[in-house]
Every structure is written in structure tokens, then in C-alpha cells.
Amino acid sequence: MTLTSERRIPVVIGFTLALLAPARVVAEPHRFDRPREMFMLPEYCKYTQDFRDHIPGANNKDEVARWTAVMGPTFIHMHHYRYGWQATTRAAFMSPTREERMHNLGVSITEFDYVIDRAPADFSLLPEILTKKGENLIQLTAVGKGMAELQRAIDMKADQWEAYAAISDYYKENGQLAKAREWLEKGLANRPNTMPLMRRLSALDASQGKRATR
């Protein structure tokens, strides 16, 4: 065997393996022209970096200064939180395959972490970001990590009702109805009369009532 042919063998093998390997989901560039991705974004989002350069009328220095004063220095990073939201929306509504859905959820975690790692402990939106991260980690089957982030959100803000709802939803989906109820009651104790929690509790009562009559 010649030296030339010896060198060619790894190349051929590598090419063959590449053909056999499953296709990877290619990261989609950020988009600003999809109504479904944009309509859920809060008002401040259009004034964050990147967004304000693509949304008509958003490159408003007064509004940028106002939101920077409200959120502090962390506002400069908040476009990453919105990218995380968009990736979450893609996972929920625009991913035709499980692989693509998992990919988009993974992208969302990266974007959320970008802000979490740079935000001070007293940043007002940190519990909200941790809640979204926790919800998506659970969907990625990283349940322990997801629950830890949801608990972290609650520890920072006792009335972060979305975190209680997410924990309850997980237990309900897994048939642990007593735990699902427990977390709804905890949430209502800290945030009384919160309709999303009350609706969940009513649905839980109704489902348990049906079981009891069977």
C-alpha cells in the first residue's frame, strides 16, 4: 500500500460516517418578521439591542433610556431573554420533528443562561427568567434541574405564581395529584385569587370527582 492510499483511508471512512450520521438541526437565524414570535413580547422588548434595529420606530433613545433606568445595566442583555422566548415559541408551535423541538428548547436555555449569568441577584425579572428556564428544562427531561430552577425562582419571589403552576402541571401530568394540589395551594397561599392557579385547582377537583364516582 502506498503512502497516498494510506492517507486516503481515514478520509473515506470519515466521509462514510458523515453520510450515515443523522442530520443535525441547523440553528435558525434570529427573525423579526414572524408575527407569532413577536406578538407575545412585552413592550420593552422592541427597545432592546438587535430588536430596536429591526422594528420600525423602536430605535428611540428616550425609550431605551427609560427602560435602562427601570431595569438597570442588565437591560443591555435582555435581547437574549427575548431570543429565548422566540426559541420557546418555535419549539411549541413551529417544530415539525421532536429533534427540532428539542433543539429549540436547548437554544432557549442557552439564551436564558446568558442573562442569568450576568444579572444581579436582585434583578426584578430574574424569577421570571428562571421560571421559563425551569419549564423548558422539564420539557427537555432534565426534571431535577428544572425543578431546582423553579424552586430558585420561588425563593427569590414567593408570589411567582407561574413557577407553582409549572411544578403542579408536572406532577399532574405524571399522575401525582396530591403533589399537584399541594403546589397549587402553596401558590395560592402566596398569591391569593390568582386565576390560572384557581382554574388548575378547579380542574383538579373535577378530575378527582369523576374518579371518585366511578
Protein backbone atom coordinates (compact mmCIF):
# COMPACT_ATOMS: atom_id res chain seq x y z
CA MET A 1 0.00 0.00 0.00
CA THR A 2 1.34 3.39 -0.94
CA LEU A 3 1.55 6.34 1.45
CA THR A 4 -1.02 8.15 -0.65
CA SER A 5 -3.60 5.38 -0.32
CA GLU A 6 -2.96 5.11 3.45
CA ARG A 7 -3.76 8.78 3.83
CA ARG A 8 -6.95 8.41 1.83
CA ILE A 9 -8.45 5.67 4.02
CA PRO A 10 -9.35 7.94 7.00
CA VAL A 11 -10.85 10.47 4.62
CA VAL A 12 -13.08 7.84 3.01
CA ILE A 13 -14.11 6.43 6.39
CA GLY A 14 -14.89 9.90 7.73
CA PHE A 15 -16.99 10.72 4.68
CA THR A 16 -18.91 7.44 5.01
CA LEU A 17 -19.66 8.07 8.70
CA ALA A 18 -20.85 11.56 7.89
CA LEU A 19 -23.33 10.13 5.40
CA LEU A 20 -24.60 7.60 7.92
CA ALA A 21 -24.93 10.08 10.79
CA PRO A 22 -28.39 11.59 11.41
CA ALA A 23 -28.84 15.07 10.04
CA ARG A 24 -28.42 17.80 12.65
CA VAL A 25 -30.81 20.65 13.05
CA VAL A 26 -29.13 23.80 11.81
CA ALA A 27 -29.54 26.80 14.07
CA GLU A 28 -32.04 29.21 12.55
CA PRO A 29 -31.00 32.85 12.41
CA HIS A 30 -32.91 35.33 14.51
CA ARG A 31 -36.05 36.57 12.78
CA PHE A 32 -38.04 39.73 13.38
CA ASP A 33 -40.73 39.26 10.72
CA ARG A 34 -42.82 36.47 12.27
CA PRO A 35 -45.99 37.76 13.96
CA ARG A 36 -46.40 34.58 16.02
CA GLU A 37 -42.95 35.04 17.51
CA MET A 38 -43.36 38.75 18.10
CA PHE A 39 -46.92 39.31 19.34
CA MET A 40 -46.30 37.84 22.81
CA LEU A 41 -43.30 40.02 23.54
CA PRO A 42 -43.75 42.72 26.22
CA GLU A 43 -43.50 46.36 25.25
CA TYR A 44 -39.91 46.80 26.42
CA CYS A 45 -38.61 44.09 24.09
CA LYS A 46 -38.62 46.20 20.97
CA TYR A 47 -36.24 48.65 22.65
CA THR A 48 -33.62 46.02 23.48
CA GLN A 49 -30.48 45.51 21.42
CA ASP A 50 -30.99 43.92 17.98
CA PHE A 51 -34.78 44.26 18.23
CA ARG A 52 -34.70 48.05 18.09
CA ASP A 53 -32.65 47.90 14.90
CA HIS A 54 -35.29 45.80 13.13
CA ILE A 55 -38.62 47.07 14.43
CA PRO A 56 -39.89 50.35 12.94
CA GLY A 57 -39.89 53.19 15.46
CA ALA A 58 -38.12 51.18 18.16
CA ASN A 59 -34.75 52.87 17.85
CA ASN A 60 -35.99 55.54 20.24
CA LYS A 61 -33.28 56.88 22.53
CA ASP A 62 -35.75 58.19 25.10
CA GLU A 63 -37.47 54.80 25.42
CA VAL A 64 -34.14 52.97 25.55
CA ALA A 65 -33.03 55.31 28.33
CA ARG A 66 -36.33 54.85 30.18
CA TRP A 67 -36.16 51.06 30.16
CA THR A 68 -32.49 51.14 31.10
CA ALA A 69 -33.43 53.25 34.11
CA VAL A 70 -36.18 50.77 35.03
CA MET A 71 -34.12 47.59 34.66
CA GLY A 72 -30.63 48.87 35.27
CA PRO A 73 -27.50 47.71 33.46
CA THR A 74 -29.00 44.25 32.79
CA PHE A 75 -31.28 45.80 30.17
CA ILE A 76 -28.36 45.69 27.76
CA HIS A 77 -28.59 41.87 27.83
CA MET A 78 -32.36 41.46 27.66
CA HIS A 79 -32.50 40.77 23.93
CA HIS A 80 -31.12 37.33 24.81
CA TYR A 81 -34.15 36.68 27.02
CA ARG A 82 -36.40 37.55 24.11
CA TYR A 83 -34.41 35.20 21.85
CA GLY A 84 -35.06 32.53 24.46
CA TRP A 85 -38.77 33.30 24.28
CA GLN A 86 -38.70 33.04 20.49
CA ALA A 87 -36.92 29.70 20.64
CA THR A 88 -39.57 28.51 23.10
CA THR A 89 -42.32 29.59 20.69
CA ARG A 90 -40.60 27.75 17.86
CA ALA A 91 -40.41 24.62 19.99
CA ALA A 92 -44.10 24.81 20.85
CA PHE A 93 -45.61 25.79 17.50
CA MET A 94 -43.10 25.59 14.64
CA SER A 95 -41.04 22.46 15.14
CA PRO A 96 -42.21 19.61 12.88
CA THR A 97 -39.98 16.99 14.49
CA ARG A 98 -39.02 16.06 18.04
CA GLU A 99 -35.37 16.67 17.16
CA GLU A 100 -36.08 20.23 16.08
CA ARG A 101 -38.27 20.82 19.13
CA MET A 102 -35.52 19.65 21.47
CA HIS A 103 -33.02 21.77 19.58
CA ASN A 104 -35.11 24.92 20.01
CA LEU A 105 -35.62 24.22 23.69
CA GLY A 106 -31.86 23.82 24.05
CA VAL A 107 -31.34 27.16 22.31
CA SER A 108 -33.73 28.78 24.76
CA ILE A 109 -31.72 27.50 27.73
CA THR A 110 -28.53 28.99 26.29
CA GLU A 111 -30.21 32.36 25.80
CA PHE A 112 -31.78 32.37 29.27
CA ASP A 113 -28.45 31.47 30.84
CA TYR A 114 -26.78 34.38 29.07
CA VAL A 115 -28.95 36.80 31.04
CA ILE A 116 -29.00 34.79 34.28
CA ASP A 117 -25.21 34.68 34.38
CA ARG A 118 -24.99 38.46 34.01
CA ALA A 119 -27.91 39.64 36.12
CA PRO A 120 -27.50 40.70 39.77
CA ALA A 121 -29.36 38.66 42.37
CA ASP A 122 -31.91 41.46 42.87
CA PHE A 123 -32.78 41.86 39.17
CA SER A 124 -36.56 42.18 39.07
CA LEU A 125 -37.11 39.83 36.12
CA LEU A 126 -34.75 37.10 37.30
CA PRO A 127 -37.54 34.95 38.86
CA GLU A 128 -39.45 35.13 35.57
CA ILE A 129 -36.42 34.06 33.55
CA LEU A 130 -35.64 31.23 35.96
CA THR A 131 -39.25 30.05 35.67
CA LYS A 132 -39.09 29.87 31.88
CA LYS A 133 -35.78 28.07 32.08
CA GLY A 134 -37.19 25.59 34.58
CA GLU A 135 -40.25 24.87 32.42
CA ASN A 136 -38.09 24.21 29.38
CA LEU A 137 -35.63 22.03 31.25
CA ILE A 138 -38.54 19.82 32.32
CA GLN A 139 -39.60 19.53 28.68
CA LEU A 140 -36.02 18.52 27.90
CA THR A 141 -36.49 15.74 30.51
CA ALA A 142 -33.95 17.38 32.84
CA VAL A 143 -36.58 17.31 35.55
CA GLY A 144 -34.28 17.67 38.57
CA LYS A 145 -32.54 20.71 37.12
CA GLY A 146 -35.85 22.20 36.03
CA MET A 147 -37.40 21.79 39.47
CA ALA A 148 -34.33 23.36 41.06
CA GLU A 149 -34.67 26.45 38.86
CA LEU A 150 -38.39 26.73 39.63
CA GLN A 151 -37.66 26.50 43.36
CA ARG A 152 -34.94 29.10 42.93
CA ALA A 153 -37.48 31.42 41.33
CA ILE A 154 -39.86 30.90 44.25
CA ASP A 155 -37.09 31.50 46.78
CA MET A 156 -36.40 34.85 45.10
CA LYS A 157 -40.05 35.81 44.74
CA ALA A 158 -42.54 33.91 46.85
CA ASP A 159 -45.52 35.00 44.71
CA GLN A 160 -44.03 33.91 41.37
CA TRP A 161 -47.22 32.03 40.56
CA GLU A 162 -46.01 30.71 37.21
CA ALA A 163 -43.39 28.60 38.99
CA TYR A 164 -46.01 26.99 41.25
CA ALA A 165 -48.17 26.31 38.19
CA ALA A 166 -45.29 24.68 36.33
CA ILE A 167 -44.44 22.39 39.24
CA SER A 168 -48.11 21.45 39.70
CA ASP A 169 -48.52 20.77 35.97
CA TYR A 170 -45.57 18.40 36.01
CA TYR A 171 -46.98 16.40 38.93
CA LYS A 172 -50.45 16.31 37.40
CA GLU A 173 -49.13 15.05 34.08
CA ASN A 174 -47.31 12.30 35.93
CA GLY A 175 -50.34 11.24 37.95
CA GLN A 176 -49.14 12.65 41.28
CA LEU A 177 -52.34 14.53 42.00
CA ALA A 178 -51.73 15.09 45.71
CA LYS A 179 -48.45 16.86 44.95
CA ALA A 180 -50.10 18.80 42.13
CA ARG A 181 -52.71 20.07 44.59
CA GLU A 182 -50.08 20.83 47.22
CA TRP A 183 -48.19 23.17 44.89
CA LEU A 184 -51.34 24.91 43.74
CA GLU A 185 -52.29 25.54 47.36
CA LYS A 186 -48.79 26.83 48.10
CA GLY A 187 -49.06 29.21 45.18
CA LEU A 188 -52.48 30.48 46.24
CA ALA A 189 -51.23 30.97 49.80
CA ASN A 190 -48.58 33.33 48.45
CA ARG A 191 -50.66 34.82 45.62
CA PRO A 192 -54.36 34.60 46.60
CA ASN A 193 -57.09 34.65 43.92
CA THR A 194 -54.65 34.05 41.06
CA MET A 195 -56.96 32.85 38.31
CA PRO A 196 -54.56 30.48 36.48
CA LEU A 197 -53.91 28.68 39.78
CA MET A 198 -57.58 28.64 40.72
CA ARG A 199 -58.55 27.21 37.33
CA ARG A 200 -55.98 24.46 37.71
CA LEU A 201 -57.29 23.64 41.17
CA SER A 202 -60.89 23.51 39.90
CA ALA A 203 -59.84 21.22 37.04
CA LEU A 204 -58.00 19.00 39.50
CA ASP A 205 -61.07 18.85 41.76
CA ALA A 206 -63.26 18.00 38.78
CA SER A 207 -60.98 15.20 37.59
CA GLN A 208 -60.74 13.72 41.08
CA GLY A 209 -64.51 13.99 41.49
CA LYS A 210 -65.05 11.99 38.32
CA ARG A 211 -62.67 9.31 39.54
CA ALA A 212 -64.47 9.14 42.89
CA THR A 213 -67.85 8.50 41.22
CA ARG A 214 -66.61 5.68 39.03
